[in-house]
PDB file of N, CA and C in Angstrom:
ATOM      1  N   MET A   1       0.839   6.389  12.711  1.00  0.00           N
ATOM      2  CA  MET A   1       0.434   5.021  13.013  1.00  0.00           C
ATOM      3  C   MET A   1       1.614   4.326  13.687  1.00  0.00           C
ATOM      4  N   SER A   2       1.307   3.614  14.710  1.00  0.00           N
ATOM      5  CA  SER A   2       2.377   2.939  15.439  1.00  0.00           C
ATOM      6  C   SER A   2       2.825   1.690  14.698  1.00  0.00           C
ATOM      7  N   ALA A   3       4.070   1.340  14.898  1.00  0.00           N
ATOM      8  CA  ALA A   3       4.610   0.138  14.263  1.00  0.00           C
ATOM      9  C   ALA A   3       3.838  -1.098  14.707  1.00  0.00           C
ATOM     10  N   ALA A   4       3.362  -1.120  15.944  1.00  0.00           N
ATOM     11  CA  ALA A   4       2.618  -2.286  16.427  1.00  0.00           C
ATOM     12  C   ALA A   4       1.349  -2.502  15.609  1.00  0.00           C
ATOM     13  N   ARG A   5       0.657  -1.463  15.260  1.00  0.00           N
ATOM     14  CA  ARG A   5      -0.558  -1.611  14.469  1.00  0.00           C
ATOM     15  C   ARG A   5      -0.229  -2.061  13.056  1.00  0.00           C
ATOM     16  N   LEU A   6       0.888  -1.658  12.531  1.00  0.00           N
ATOM     17  CA  LEU A   6       1.272  -2.089  11.182  1.00  0.00           C
ATOM     18  C   LEU A   6       1.593  -3.567  11.144  1.00  0.00           C
ATOM     19  N   HIS A   7       1.956  -4.147  12.252  1.00  0.00           N
ATOM     20  CA  HIS A   7       2.340  -5.552  12.254  1.00  0.00           C
ATOM     21  C   HIS A   7       1.148  -6.495  12.327  1.00  0.00           C
ATOM     22  N   ASP A   8      -0.051  -5.947  12.253  1.00  0.00           N
ATOM     23  CA  ASP A   8      -1.259  -6.763  12.178  1.00  0.00           C
ATOM     24  C   ASP A   8      -1.310  -7.358  10.774  1.00  0.00           C
ATOM     25  N   GLY A   9      -1.029  -8.640  10.654  1.00  0.00           N
ATOM     26  CA  GLY A   9      -0.931  -9.283   9.346  1.00  0.00           C
ATOM     27  C   GLY A   9      -2.200  -9.239   8.537  1.00  0.00           C
ATOM     28  N   ASP A  10      -3.359  -9.143   9.203  1.00  0.00           N
ATOM     29  CA  ASP A  10      -4.626  -9.115   8.495  1.00  0.00           C
ATOM     30  C   ASP A  10      -5.103  -7.702   8.204  1.00  0.00           C
ATOM     31  N   MET A  11      -4.274  -6.701   8.480  1.00  0.00           N
ATOM     32  CA  MET A  11      -4.683  -5.319   8.258  1.00  0.00           C
ATOM     33  C   MET A  11      -5.035  -5.120   6.793  1.00  0.00           C
ATOM     34  N   MET A  12      -6.244  -4.618   6.573  1.00  0.00           N
ATOM     35  CA  MET A  12      -6.689  -4.317   5.223  1.00  0.00           C
ATOM     36  C   MET A  12      -6.586  -2.813   5.009  1.00  0.00           C
ATOM     37  N   LEU A  13      -6.199  -2.453   3.813  1.00  0.00           N
ATOM     38  CA  LEU A  13      -6.082  -1.048   3.452  1.00  0.00           C
ATOM     39  C   LEU A  13      -7.032  -0.763   2.305  1.00  0.00           C
ATOM     40  N   THR A  14      -7.443   0.485   2.220  1.00  0.00           N
ATOM     41  CA  THR A  14      -8.299   0.887   1.115  1.00  0.00           C
ATOM     42  C   THR A  14      -7.806   2.216   0.559  1.00  0.00           C
ATOM     43  N   ILE A  15      -8.078   2.419  -0.699  1.00  0.00           N
ATOM     44  CA  ILE A  15      -7.711   3.670  -1.360  1.00  0.00           C
ATOM     45  C   ILE A  15      -8.942   4.569  -1.309  1.00  0.00           C
ATOM     46  N   PRO A  16      -8.814   5.742  -0.715  1.00  0.00           N
ATOM     47  CA  PRO A  16      -9.969   6.627  -0.600  1.00  0.00           C
ATOM     48  C   PRO A  16     -10.497   7.063  -1.974  1.00  0.00           C
ATOM     49  N   THR A  17     -11.769   7.408  -2.009  1.00  0.00           N
ATOM     50  CA  THR A  17     -12.382   7.813  -3.283  1.00  0.00           C
ATOM     51  C   THR A  17     -11.827   9.129  -3.815  1.00  0.00           C
ATOM     52  N   TYR A  18     -11.195   9.920  -2.965  1.00  0.00           N
ATOM     53  CA  TYR A  18     -10.627  11.192  -3.424  1.00  0.00           C
ATOM     54  C   TYR A  18      -9.246  11.021  -4.060  1.00  0.00           C
ATOM     55  N   ILE A  19      -8.753   9.783  -4.125  1.00  0.00           N
ATOM     56  CA  ILE A  19      -7.473   9.493  -4.779  1.00  0.00           C
ATOM     57  C   ILE A  19      -7.750   8.784  -6.101  1.00  0.00           C
ATOM     58  N   THR A  20      -7.194   9.317  -7.171  1.00  0.00           N
ATOM     59  CA  THR A  20      -7.244   8.648  -8.475  1.00  0.00           C
ATOM     60  C   THR A  20      -5.806   8.385  -8.897  1.00  0.00           C
ATOM     61  N   TRP A  21      -5.605   7.404  -9.754  1.00  0.00           N
ATOM     62  CA  TRP A  21      -4.251   7.092 -10.183  1.00  0.00           C
ATOM     63  C   TRP A  21      -4.238   6.620 -11.624  1.00  0.00           C
ATOM     64  N   GLN A  22      -3.038   6.763 -12.220  1.00  0.00           N
ATOM     65  CA  GLN A  22      -2.853   6.392 -13.618  1.00  0.00           C
ATOM     66  C   GLN A  22      -1.401   5.974 -13.835  1.00  0.00           C
ATOM     67  N   ASP A  23      -1.209   4.965 -14.697  1.00  0.00           N
ATOM     68  CA  ASP A  23       0.144   4.551 -15.064  1.00  0.00           C
ATOM     69  C   ASP A  23       0.818   5.630 -15.901  1.00  0.00           C
ATOM     70  N   VAL A  24       2.078   5.899 -15.569  1.00  0.00           N
ATOM     71  CA  VAL A  24       2.871   6.866 -16.321  1.00  0.00           C
ATOM     72  C   VAL A  24       4.274   6.287 -16.458  1.00  0.00           C
ATOM     73  N   ASP A  25       4.565   5.703 -17.596  1.00  0.00           N
ATOM     74  CA  ASP A  25       5.900   5.163 -17.875  1.00  0.00           C
ATOM     75  C   ASP A  25       6.408   4.214 -16.787  1.00  0.00           C
ATOM     76  N   GLY A  26       5.592   3.260 -16.378  1.00  0.00           N
ATOM     77  CA  GLY A  26       6.006   2.267 -15.395  1.00  0.00           C
ATOM     78  C   GLY A  26       5.890   2.712 -13.954  1.00  0.00           C
ATOM     79  N   GLU A  27       5.533   3.953 -13.738  1.00  0.00           N
ATOM     80  CA  GLU A  27       5.307   4.455 -12.395  1.00  0.00           C
ATOM     81  C   GLU A  27       3.824   4.781 -12.281  1.00  0.00           C
ATOM     82  N   LEU A  28       3.397   5.147 -11.107  1.00  0.00           N
ATOM     83  CA  LEU A  28       2.003   5.541 -10.918  1.00  0.00           C
ATOM     84  C   LEU A  28       1.942   6.989 -10.482  1.00  0.00           C
ATOM     85  N   ALA A  29       1.063   7.730 -11.118  1.00  0.00           N
ATOM     86  CA  ALA A  29       0.789   9.099 -10.695  1.00  0.00           C
ATOM     87  C   ALA A  29      -0.521   9.075  -9.934  1.00  0.00           C
ATOM     88  N   LEU A  30      -0.482   9.530  -8.682  1.00  0.00           N
ATOM     89  CA  LEU A  30      -1.670   9.626  -7.857  1.00  0.00           C
ATOM     90  C   LEU A  30      -2.106  11.078  -7.813  1.00  0.00           C
ATOM     91  N   PHE A  31      -3.405  11.300  -7.852  1.00  0.00           N
ATOM     92  CA  PHE A  31      -3.935  12.655  -7.717  1.00  0.00           C
ATOM     93  C   PHE A  31      -4.846  12.697  -6.506  1.00  0.00           C
ATOM     94  N   ASP A  32      -4.548  13.619  -5.600  1.00  0.00           N
ATOM     95  CA  ASP A  32      -5.324  13.799  -4.380  1.00  0.00           C
ATOM     96  C   ASP A  32      -6.258  14.985  -4.587  1.00  0.00           C
ATOM     97  N   GLU A  33      -7.545  14.699  -4.735  1.00  0.00           N
ATOM     98  CA  GLU A  33      -8.531  15.739  -5.007  1.00  0.00           C
ATOM     99  C   GLU A  33      -8.716  16.704  -3.839  1.00  0.00           C
ATOM    100  N   ARG A  34      -8.298  16.306  -2.636  1.00  0.00           N
ATOM    101  CA  ARG A  34      -8.465  17.185  -1.480  1.00  0.00           C
ATOM    102  C   ARG A  34      -7.640  18.446  -1.603  1.00  0.00           C
ATOM    103  N   ASP A  35      -6.435  18.311  -2.147  1.00  0.00           N
ATOM    104  CA  ASP A  35      -5.549  19.474  -2.231  1.00  0.00           C
ATOM    105  C   ASP A  35      -4.960  19.677  -3.630  1.00  0.00           C
ATOM    106  N   ASP A  36      -5.516  18.956  -4.614  1.00  0.00           N
ATOM    107  CA  ASP A  36      -5.070  19.066  -6.010  1.00  0.00           C
ATOM    108  C   ASP A  36      -3.575  18.794  -6.177  1.00  0.00           C
ATOM    109  N   ARG A  37      -3.061  17.830  -5.391  1.00  0.00           N
ATOM    110  CA  ARG A  37      -1.642  17.485  -5.462  1.00  0.00           C
ATOM    111  C   ARG A  37      -1.459  16.153  -6.164  1.00  0.00           C
ATOM    112  N   TYR A  38      -0.351  16.053  -6.884  1.00  0.00           N
ATOM    113  CA  TYR A  38       0.052  14.798  -7.504  1.00  0.00           C
ATOM    114  C   TYR A  38       1.149  14.163  -6.675  1.00  0.00           C
ATOM    115  N   HIS A  39       1.168  12.844  -6.665  1.00  0.00           N
ATOM    116  CA  HIS A  39       2.215  12.065  -5.999  1.00  0.00           C
ATOM    117  C   HIS A  39       2.674  11.034  -7.019  1.00  0.00           C
ATOM    118  N   LEU A  40       3.961  10.922  -7.224  1.00  0.00           N
ATOM    119  CA  LEU A  40       4.499   9.952  -8.176  1.00  0.00           C
ATOM    120  C   LEU A  40       5.125   8.787  -7.411  1.00  0.00           C
ATOM    121  N   LEU A  41       4.643   7.580  -7.702  1.00  0.00           N
ATOM    122  CA  LEU A  41       5.183   6.380  -7.051  1.00  0.00           C
ATOM    123  C   LEU A  41       6.163   5.709  -7.989  1.00  0.00           C
ATOM    124  N   ASN A  42       7.330   5.331  -7.460  1.00  0.00           N
ATOM    125  CA  ASN A  42       8.315   4.610  -8.269  1.00  0.00           C
ATOM    126  C   ASN A  42       7.821   3.186  -8.516  1.00  0.00           C
ATOM    127  N   GLY A  43       8.579   2.415  -9.252  1.00  0.00           N
ATOM    128  CA  GLY A  43       8.170   1.065  -9.639  1.00  0.00           C
ATOM    129  C   GLY A  43       7.826   0.170  -8.469  1.00  0.00           C
ATOM    130  N   THR A  44       8.636   0.168  -7.419  1.00  0.00           N
ATOM    131  CA  THR A  44       8.377  -0.685  -6.264  1.00  0.00           C
ATOM    132  C   THR A  44       7.133  -0.233  -5.522  1.00  0.00           C
ATOM    133  N   ALA A  45       7.006   1.055  -5.276  1.00  0.00           N
ATOM    134  CA  ALA A  45       5.821   1.573  -4.596  1.00  0.00           C
ATOM    135  C   ALA A  45       4.573   1.320  -5.433  1.00  0.00           C
ATOM    136  N   ALA A  46       4.709   1.386  -6.751  1.00  0.00           N
ATOM    137  CA  ALA A  46       3.574   1.119  -7.643  1.00  0.00           C
ATOM    138  C   ALA A  46       3.112  -0.334  -7.517  1.00  0.00           C
ATOM    139  N   VAL A  47       4.046  -1.251  -7.340  1.00  0.00           N
ATOM    140  CA  VAL A  47       3.686  -2.665  -7.145  1.00  0.00           C
ATOM    141  C   VAL A  47       2.901  -2.817  -5.848  1.00  0.00           C
ATOM    142  N   ILE A  48       3.349  -2.164  -4.787  1.00  0.00           N
ATOM    143  CA  ILE A  48       2.641  -2.210  -3.507  1.00  0.00           C
ATOM    144  C   ILE A  48       1.234  -1.633  -3.678  1.00  0.00           C
ATOM    145  N   TRP A  49       1.134  -0.492  -4.328  1.00  0.00           N
ATOM    146  CA  TRP A  49      -0.155   0.178  -4.532  1.00  0.00           C
ATOM    147  C   TRP A  49      -1.133  -0.724  -5.300  1.00  0.00           C
ATOM    148  N   ARG A  50      -0.645  -1.327  -6.374  1.00  0.00           N
ATOM    149  CA  ARG A  50      -1.512  -2.196  -7.178  1.00  0.00           C
ATOM    150  C   ARG A  50      -1.998  -3.407  -6.379  1.00  0.00           C
ATOM    151  N   ALA A  51      -1.140  -3.947  -5.524  1.00  0.00           N
ATOM    152  CA  ALA A  51      -1.549  -5.075  -4.690  1.00  0.00           C
ATOM    153  C   ALA A  51      -2.624  -4.646  -3.696  1.00  0.00           C
ATOM    154  N   ILE A  52      -2.484  -3.463  -3.133  1.00  0.00           N
ATOM    155  CA  ILE A  52      -3.512  -2.940  -2.229  1.00  0.00           C
ATOM    156  C   ILE A  52      -4.814  -2.725  -3.000  1.00  0.00           C
ATOM    157  N   ALA A  53      -4.720  -2.157  -4.190  1.00  0.00           N
ATOM    158  CA  ALA A  53      -5.911  -1.931  -5.018  1.00  0.00           C
ATOM    159  C   ALA A  53      -6.602  -3.243  -5.371  1.00  0.00           C
ATOM    160  N   ALA A  54      -5.824  -4.328  -5.474  1.00  0.00           N
ATOM    161  CA  ALA A  54      -6.384  -5.644  -5.797  1.00  0.00           C
ATOM    162  C   ALA A  54      -6.991  -6.334  -4.573  1.00  0.00           C
ATOM    163  N   GLY A  55      -6.848  -5.702  -3.398  1.00  0.00           N
ATOM    164  CA  GLY A  55      -7.490  -6.237  -2.207  1.00  0.00           C
ATOM    165  C   GLY A  55      -6.609  -7.058  -1.284  1.00  0.00           C
ATOM    166  N   ALA A  56      -5.305  -7.035  -1.488  1.00  0.00           N
ATOM    167  CA  ALA A  56      -4.402  -7.809  -0.629  1.00  0.00           C
ATOM    168  C   ALA A  56      -4.363  -7.218   0.779  1.00  0.00           C
ATOM    169  N   ASP A  57      -4.393  -8.089   1.804  1.00  0.00           N
ATOM    170  CA  ASP A  57      -4.164  -7.612   3.159  1.00  0.00           C
ATOM    171  C   ASP A  57      -2.652  -7.473   3.340  1.00  0.00           C
ATOM    172  N   ARG A  58      -2.225  -6.981   4.494  1.00  0.00           N
ATOM    173  CA  ARG A  58      -0.802  -6.694   4.690  1.00  0.00           C
ATOM    174  C   ARG A  58       0.063  -7.929   4.482  1.00  0.00           C
ATOM    175  N   SER A  59      -0.311  -9.065   5.067  1.00  0.00           N
ATOM    176  CA  SER A  59       0.530 -10.257   4.932  1.00  0.00           C
ATOM    177  C   SER A  59       0.523 -10.769   3.488  1.00  0.00           C
ATOM    178  N   GLY A  60      -0.633 -10.731   2.826  1.00  0.00           N
ATOM    179  CA  GLY A  60      -0.692 -11.133   1.426  1.00  0.00           C
ATOM    180  C   GLY A  60       0.108 -10.207   0.545  1.00  0.00           C
ATOM    181  N   LEU A  61       0.063  -8.937   0.875  1.00  0.00           N
ATOM    182  CA  LEU A  61       0.825  -7.932   0.143  1.00  0.00           C
ATOM    183  C   LEU A  61       2.319  -8.214   0.242  1.00  0.00           C
ATOM    184  N   ILE A  62       2.791  -8.480   1.451  1.00  0.00           N
ATOM    185  CA  ILE A  62       4.215  -8.760   1.652  1.00  0.00           C
ATOM    186  C   ILE A  62       4.625 -10.023   0.902  1.00  0.00           C
ATOM    187  N   ASP A  63       3.798 -11.062   0.985  1.00  0.00           N
ATOM    188  CA  ASP A  63       4.111 -12.303   0.258  1.00  0.00           C
ATOM    189  C   ASP A  63       4.166 -12.075  -1.250  1.00  0.00           C
ATOM    190  N   ARG A  64       3.201 -11.310  -1.766  1.00  0.00           N
ATOM    191  CA  ARG A  64       3.152 -11.034  -3.205  1.00  0.00           C
ATOM    192  C   ARG A  64       4.375 -10.237  -3.680  1.00  0.00           C
ATOM    193  N   ILE A  65       4.743  -9.228  -2.921  1.00  0.00           N
ATOM    194  CA  ILE A  65       5.901  -8.399  -3.281  1.00  0.00           C
ATOM    195  C   ILE A  65       7.181  -9.236  -3.211  1.00  0.00           C
ATOM    196  N   ALA A  66       7.325 -10.025  -2.147  1.00  0.00           N
ATOM    197  CA  ALA A  66       8.520 -10.863  -1.987  1.00  0.00           C
ATOM    198  C   ALA A  66       8.652 -11.833  -3.156  1.00  0.00           C
ATOM    199  N   ALA A  67       7.564 -12.476  -3.533  1.00  0.00           N
ATOM    200  CA  ALA A  67       7.612 -13.426  -4.653  1.00  0.00           C
ATOM    201  C   ALA A  67       7.968 -12.710  -5.949  1.00  0.00           C
ATOM    202  N   GLY A  68       7.399 -11.539  -6.156  1.00  0.00           N
ATOM    203  CA  GLY A  68       7.671 -10.789  -7.381  1.00  0.00           C
ATOM    204  C   GLY A  68       9.120 -10.341  -7.505  1.00  0.00           C
ATOM    205  N   PHE A  69       9.738 -10.028  -6.376  1.00  0.00           N
ATOM    206  CA  PHE A  69      11.128  -9.574  -6.382  1.00  0.00           C
ATOM    207  C   PHE A  69      12.106 -10.686  -6.008  1.00  0.00           C
ATOM    208  N   ARG A  70      11.573 -11.887  -5.784  1.00  0.00           N
ATOM    209  CA  ARG A  70      12.381 -13.070  -5.451  1.00  0.00           C
ATOM    210  C   ARG A  70      13.276 -12.846  -4.236  1.00  0.00           C
ATOM    211  N   VAL A  71      12.634 -12.344  -3.183  1.00  0.00           N
ATOM    212  CA  VAL A  71      13.329 -12.153  -1.908  1.00  0.00           C
ATOM    213  C   VAL A  71      12.474 -12.781  -0.818  1.00  0.00           C
ATOM    214  N   LYS A  72      13.055 -12.946   0.356  1.00  0.00           N
ATOM    215  CA  LYS A  72      12.312 -13.469   1.498  1.00  0.00           C
ATOM    216  C   LYS A  72      11.417 -12.365   2.049  1.00  0.00           C
ATOM    217  N   PRO A  73      10.215 -12.717   2.490  1.00  0.00           N
ATOM    218  CA  PRO A  73       9.312 -11.694   3.034  1.00  0.00           C
ATOM    219  C   PRO A  73       9.949 -10.822   4.112  1.00  0.00           C
ATOM    220  N   GLU A  74      10.730 -11.434   4.990  1.00  0.00           N
ATOM    221  CA  GLU A  74      11.334 -10.646   6.070  1.00  0.00           C
ATOM    222  C   GLU A  74      12.317  -9.591   5.558  1.00  0.00           C
ATOM    223  N   GLU A  75      12.787  -9.733   4.321  1.00  0.00           N
ATOM    224  CA  GLU A  75      13.711  -8.753   3.744  1.00  0.00           C
ATOM    225  C   GLU A  75      13.000  -7.482   3.294  1.00  0.00           C
ATOM    226  N   ILE A  76      11.690  -7.528   3.122  1.00  0.00           N
ATOM    227  CA  ILE A  76      10.979  -6.359   2.601  1.00  0.00           C
ATOM    228  C   ILE A  76       9.945  -5.779   3.565  1.00  0.00           C
ATOM    229  N   VAL A  77       9.727  -6.438   4.683  1.00  0.00           N
ATOM    230  CA  VAL A  77       8.693  -5.990   5.619  1.00  0.00           C
ATOM    231  C   VAL A  77       8.885  -4.529   6.007  1.00  0.00           C
ATOM    232  N   ALA A  78      10.084  -4.140   6.379  1.00  0.00           N
ATOM    233  CA  ALA A  78      10.320  -2.763   6.834  1.00  0.00           C
ATOM    234  C   ALA A  78      10.015  -1.755   5.732  1.00  0.00           C
ATOM    235  N   ASP A  79      10.392  -2.066   4.496  1.00  0.00           N
ATOM    236  CA  ASP A  79      10.139  -1.142   3.389  1.00  0.00           C
ATOM    237  C   ASP A  79       8.649  -1.038   3.075  1.00  0.00           C
ATOM    238  N   VAL A  80       7.957  -2.167   3.076  1.00  0.00           N
ATOM    239  CA  VAL A  80       6.513  -2.159   2.821  1.00  0.00           C
ATOM    240  C   VAL A  80       5.806  -1.380   3.930  1.00  0.00           C
ATOM    241  N   ASP A  81       6.162  -1.644   5.186  1.00  0.00           N
ATOM    242  CA  ASP A  81       5.545  -0.937   6.298  1.00  0.00           C
ATOM    243  C   ASP A  81       5.837   0.561   6.237  1.00  0.00           C
ATOM    244  N   ALA A  82       7.044   0.933   5.840  1.00  0.00           N
ATOM    245  CA  ALA A  82       7.384   2.358   5.725  1.00  0.00           C
ATOM    246  C   ALA A  82       6.518   3.032   4.663  1.00  0.00           C
ATOM    247  N   PHE A  83       6.312   2.351   3.533  1.00  0.00           N
ATOM    248  CA  PHE A  83       5.450   2.904   2.487  1.00  0.00           C
ATOM    249  C   PHE A  83       4.020   3.066   3.000  1.00  0.00           C
ATOM    250  N   ILE A  84       3.495   2.010   3.629  1.00  0.00           N
ATOM    251  CA  ILE A  84       2.123   2.050   4.144  1.00  0.00           C
ATOM    252  C   ILE A  84       1.968   3.182   5.155  1.00  0.00           C
ATOM    253  N   GLU A  85       2.913   3.274   6.086  1.00  0.00           N
ATOM    254  CA  GLU A  85       2.840   4.300   7.119  1.00  0.00           C
ATOM    255  C   GLU A  85       2.866   5.700   6.514  1.00  0.00           C
ATOM    256  N   ALA A  86       3.757   5.935   5.550  1.00  0.00           N
ATOM    257  CA  ALA A  86       3.849   7.249   4.908  1.00  0.00           C
ATOM    258  C   ALA A  86       2.577   7.566   4.119  1.00  0.00           C
ATOM    259  N   ALA A  87       2.062   6.590   3.400  1.00  0.00           N
ATOM    260  CA  ALA A  87       0.847   6.809   2.608  1.00  0.00           C
ATOM    261  C   ALA A  87      -0.353   7.081   3.514  1.00  0.00           C
ATOM    262  N   MET A  88      -0.436   6.373   4.647  1.00  0.00           N
ATOM    263  CA  MET A  88      -1.535   6.602   5.582  1.00  0.00           C
ATOM    264  C   MET A  88      -1.409   7.974   6.237  1.00  0.00           C
ATOM    265  N   ALA A  89      -0.203   8.387   6.556  1.00  0.00           N
ATOM    266  CA  ALA A  89       0.012   9.692   7.180  1.00  0.00           C
ATOM    267  C   ALA A  89      -0.432  10.823   6.254  1.00  0.00           C
ATOM    268  N   GLN A  90      -0.316  10.593   4.947  1.00  0.00           N
ATOM    269  CA  GLN A  90      -0.722  11.604   3.967  1.00  0.00           C
ATOM    270  C   GLN A  90      -2.179  11.451   3.541  1.00  0.00           C
ATOM    271  N   GLY A  91      -2.850  10.427   4.057  1.00  0.00           N
ATOM    272  CA  GLY A  91      -4.238  10.203   3.702  1.00  0.00           C
ATOM    273  C   GLY A  91      -4.421   9.539   2.349  1.00  0.00           C
ATOM    274  N   LEU A  92      -3.348   8.990   1.791  1.00  0.00           N
ATOM    275  CA  LEU A  92      -3.427   8.325   0.487  1.00  0.00           C
ATOM    276  C   LEU A  92      -4.002   6.921   0.625  1.00  0.00           C
ATOM    277  N   LEU A  93      -3.825   6.319   1.796  1.00  0.00           N
ATOM    278  CA  LEU A  93      -4.405   5.012   2.124  1.00  0.00           C
ATOM    279  C   LEU A  93      -5.121   5.124   3.448  1.00  0.00           C
ATOM    280  N   LEU A  94      -6.157   4.329   3.605  1.00  0.00           N
ATOM    281  CA  LEU A  94      -6.896   4.270   4.857  1.00  0.00           C
ATOM    282  C   LEU A  94      -6.954   2.826   5.332  1.00  0.00           C
ATOM    283  N   ARG A  95      -7.012   2.652   6.629  1.00  0.00           N
ATOM    284  CA  ARG A  95      -7.149   1.312   7.191  1.00  0.00           C
ATOM    285  C   ARG A  95      -8.611   0.864   7.084  1.00  0.00           C
ATOM    286  N   LYS A  96      -8.795  -0.349   6.664  1.00  0.00           N
ATOM    287  CA  LYS A  96     -10.127  -0.940   6.613  1.00  0.00           C
ATOM    288  C   LYS A  96     -10.025  -2.247   7.373  1.00  0.00           C
ATOM    289  N   ASP A  97     -10.831  -2.428   8.379  1.00  0.00           N
ATOM    290  CA  ASP A  97     -10.767  -3.657   9.172  1.00  0.00           C
ATOM    291  C   ASP A  97     -11.056  -4.866   8.306  1.00  0.00           C
ATOM    292  N   ALA A  98     -10.290  -5.918   8.540  1.00  0.00           N
ATOM    293  CA  ALA A  98     -10.496  -7.169   7.811  1.00  0.00           C
ATOM    294  C   ALA A  98     -11.837  -7.767   8.213  1.00  0.00           C
ATOM    295  N   ALA A  99     -12.432  -8.459   7.282  1.00  0.00           N
ATOM    296  CA  ALA A  99     -13.711  -9.124   7.571  1.00  0.00           C
ATOM    297  C   ALA A  99     -13.492 -10.168   8.646  1.00  0.00           C
ATOM    298  N   PRO A 100     -14.456 -10.342   9.551  1.00  0.00           N
ATOM    299  CA  PRO A 100     -14.301 -11.357  10.591  1.00  0.00           C
ATOM    300  C   PRO A 100     -14.250 -12.760  10.003  1.00  0.00           C
ATOM    301  N   SER A 101     -13.540 -13.626  10.659  1.00  0.00           N
ATOM    302  CA  SER A 101     -13.445 -15.008  10.198  1.00  0.00           C
ATOM    303  C   SER A 101     -14.780 -15.701  10.386  1.00  0.00           C
ATOM    304  N   ALA A 102     -15.059 -16.629   9.448  1.00  0.00           N
ATOM    305  CA  ALA A 102     -16.330 -17.369   9.532  1.00  0.00           C
ATOM    306  C   ALA A 102     -16.195 -18.556  10.437  1.00  0.00           C
TER     307      ALA A 102
END
C-alpha cells in the first residue's frame, strides 16, 4: 500500500472474518485461519488493533492513540501508518471505504 493512500484520514479498516484474537497478558494474540499462524501484538499495537475493532477511522484512530499516550498526533502518525501497512500486507487488516457523507 502506498503511503499516499494511508494518508487518507477517513480510511476505514476492517478485521477479516478469518482473523480471531484474544487478550494474552496485556498483549493480543491473533490467529490467522488461512495459514494457521499466530501473531502476537505488543501493548501499543494492541491499542491500535482495539481501536480499529471499535470502528475508528484512521484519523480517529490516531487521535485516540495520541490522547491515550499523551502525545501529539503528529508524533505517532508514522508508527500507526507503519503498523497499518504491515498488517494490511499480511492480510490481517483490510481497507473498507468510509461511508459517504450525508
